Protein backbone atom coordinates (compact mmCIF):
# COMPACT_ATOMS: atom_id res chain seq x y z
CA MET A 1 -25.52 44.63 30.42
CA ALA A 2 -22.56 45.23 33.12
CA GLY A 3 -22.67 41.53 33.87
CA ASP A 4 -23.04 40.20 30.34
CA THR A 5 -20.15 37.89 28.96
CA GLY A 6 -21.60 37.67 25.50
CA GLN A 7 -22.73 33.77 26.39
CA ASP A 8 -25.53 32.27 26.03
CA GLN A 9 -26.97 31.30 29.48
CA GLY A 10 -29.28 29.11 29.01
CA GLY A 11 -29.62 25.52 26.88
CA GLU A 12 -29.74 27.12 23.42
CA GLY A 13 -25.49 27.95 23.65
CA ASP A 14 -25.07 23.99 24.45
CA ASN A 15 -27.70 22.88 21.29
CA ARG A 16 -25.83 25.21 18.77
CA LEU A 17 -22.06 24.20 20.04
CA THR A 18 -23.35 20.42 19.41
CA SER A 19 -24.77 20.93 16.01
CA LEU A 20 -21.43 22.98 15.07
CA GLU A 21 -19.23 20.32 16.37
CA LYS A 22 -21.68 17.75 14.30
CA ARG A 23 -21.39 19.76 10.91
CA LEU A 24 -17.40 20.24 11.56
CA GLN A 25 -17.33 16.91 12.00
CA ASP A 26 -19.26 15.63 9.10
CA THR A 27 -16.95 18.45 7.10
CA HIS A 28 -13.76 16.78 7.90
CA HIS A 29 -14.93 13.59 6.87
CA ALA A 30 -16.33 14.58 3.56
CA GLU A 31 -12.85 16.28 3.03
CA ALA A 32 -10.84 12.93 3.90
CA ILE A 33 -13.04 11.36 1.60
CA ARG A 34 -12.45 14.28 -1.06
CA THR A 35 -9.03 14.25 -0.83
CA GLY A 36 -8.67 10.10 -0.70
CA LYS A 37 -7.11 10.31 3.17
CA ALA A 38 -10.17 8.28 4.72
CA THR A 39 -9.08 4.89 5.79
CA GLN A 40 -9.68 2.19 3.49
CA ALA A 41 -8.29 -1.12 2.70
CA PRO A 42 -5.72 -1.45 -0.45
CA GLN A 43 -7.71 -2.77 -3.52
CA LYS A 44 -7.33 -6.23 -4.60
CA GLY A 45 -5.72 -4.71 -7.60
CA TYR A 46 -3.31 -2.89 -5.78
CA SER A 47 -1.93 -5.73 -3.44
CA GLN A 48 -1.74 -8.07 -6.94
CA GLY A 49 0.36 -5.39 -8.34
CA ASN A 50 2.80 -5.41 -5.29
CA ARG A 51 2.90 -9.10 -5.69
CA VAL A 52 4.20 -9.05 -9.33
CA LEU A 53 6.57 -6.47 -8.81
CA ALA A 54 7.91 -8.29 -5.44
CA GLU A 55 7.74 -12.03 -7.76
CA LEU A 56 10.17 -10.31 -10.52
CA ILE A 57 12.20 -8.31 -8.49
CA GLY A 58 12.96 -11.25 -6.10
CA GLY A 59 13.28 -13.99 -8.92
CA LEU A 60 15.59 -11.76 -10.48
CA ALA A 61 18.07 -10.75 -7.58
CA GLY A 62 17.48 -14.33 -5.87
CA GLY A 63 18.88 -15.87 -9.32
CA ALA A 64 21.82 -13.02 -9.48
CA LEU A 65 22.96 -13.78 -6.04
CA ILE A 66 23.15 -17.38 -6.06
CA GLY A 67 24.47 -16.72 -9.71
CA TRP A 68 27.07 -14.80 -8.79
CA SER A 69 28.12 -16.84 -5.48
CA ILE A 70 28.26 -20.17 -8.01
CA ASP A 71 30.60 -18.35 -10.21
CA SER A 72 32.24 -17.17 -7.46
CA LEU A 73 33.36 -20.65 -5.68
CA PHE A 74 33.94 -21.95 -8.78
CA GLY A 75 35.49 -19.37 -11.07
CA THR A 76 32.99 -19.82 -14.08
CA ALA A 77 32.93 -15.88 -14.60
CA PRO A 78 29.55 -15.08 -15.91
CA TRP A 79 27.71 -18.42 -17.00
CA ALA A 80 26.39 -19.87 -13.71
CA LEU A 81 25.19 -15.85 -13.36
CA LEU A 82 23.34 -15.62 -16.41
CA VAL A 83 21.88 -19.19 -16.16
CA MET A 84 21.28 -18.62 -12.89
CA MET A 85 19.32 -15.36 -13.32
CA MET A 86 16.98 -16.84 -16.21
CA LEU A 87 16.27 -19.55 -14.28
CA GLY A 88 15.34 -16.84 -11.29
CA ILE A 89 13.22 -14.95 -14.49
CA ALA A 90 11.26 -18.32 -15.53
CA ALA A 91 10.49 -19.05 -11.73
CA ALA A 92 9.17 -15.51 -11.21
CA PHE A 93 7.30 -15.39 -14.96
CA ARG A 94 6.03 -18.74 -13.67
CA ASN A 95 4.70 -17.25 -9.92
CA ILE A 96 3.05 -14.30 -11.85
CA ILE A 97 0.95 -16.45 -13.90
CA ARG A 98 -0.55 -17.75 -10.93
CA ILE A 99 -0.93 -15.01 -9.65
CA SER A 100 -3.21 -13.61 -12.21
CA GLN A 101 -4.84 -16.81 -12.56
CA GLU A 102 -6.06 -16.46 -8.91
CA ARG A 103 -9.89 -16.13 -8.74
CA PRO A 104 -11.46 -12.65 -7.37
CA GLU A 105 -12.94 -12.88 -3.66
């Protein structure tokens, strides 16, 4: 008993340790899936939603920037800004309709 350190001297300890590591990995994987932290590719709907949002923001901001530039160059105060914003929104809606008509993979 004096030389006993409390550890198994045979192969049984290695088998138990391997089994414990396997169960621990399985538990971590199950927890990642349960909490949604498992690595998954984004679904098609999610990426399409991002594309739609980018089209709306880009169309509006692009039209506003171009309209403001024209207004500042020619002194036409709000008119070029309003017209270009409307054109930007129309272009964004046209692109959104194209995105919505894409066939799923």
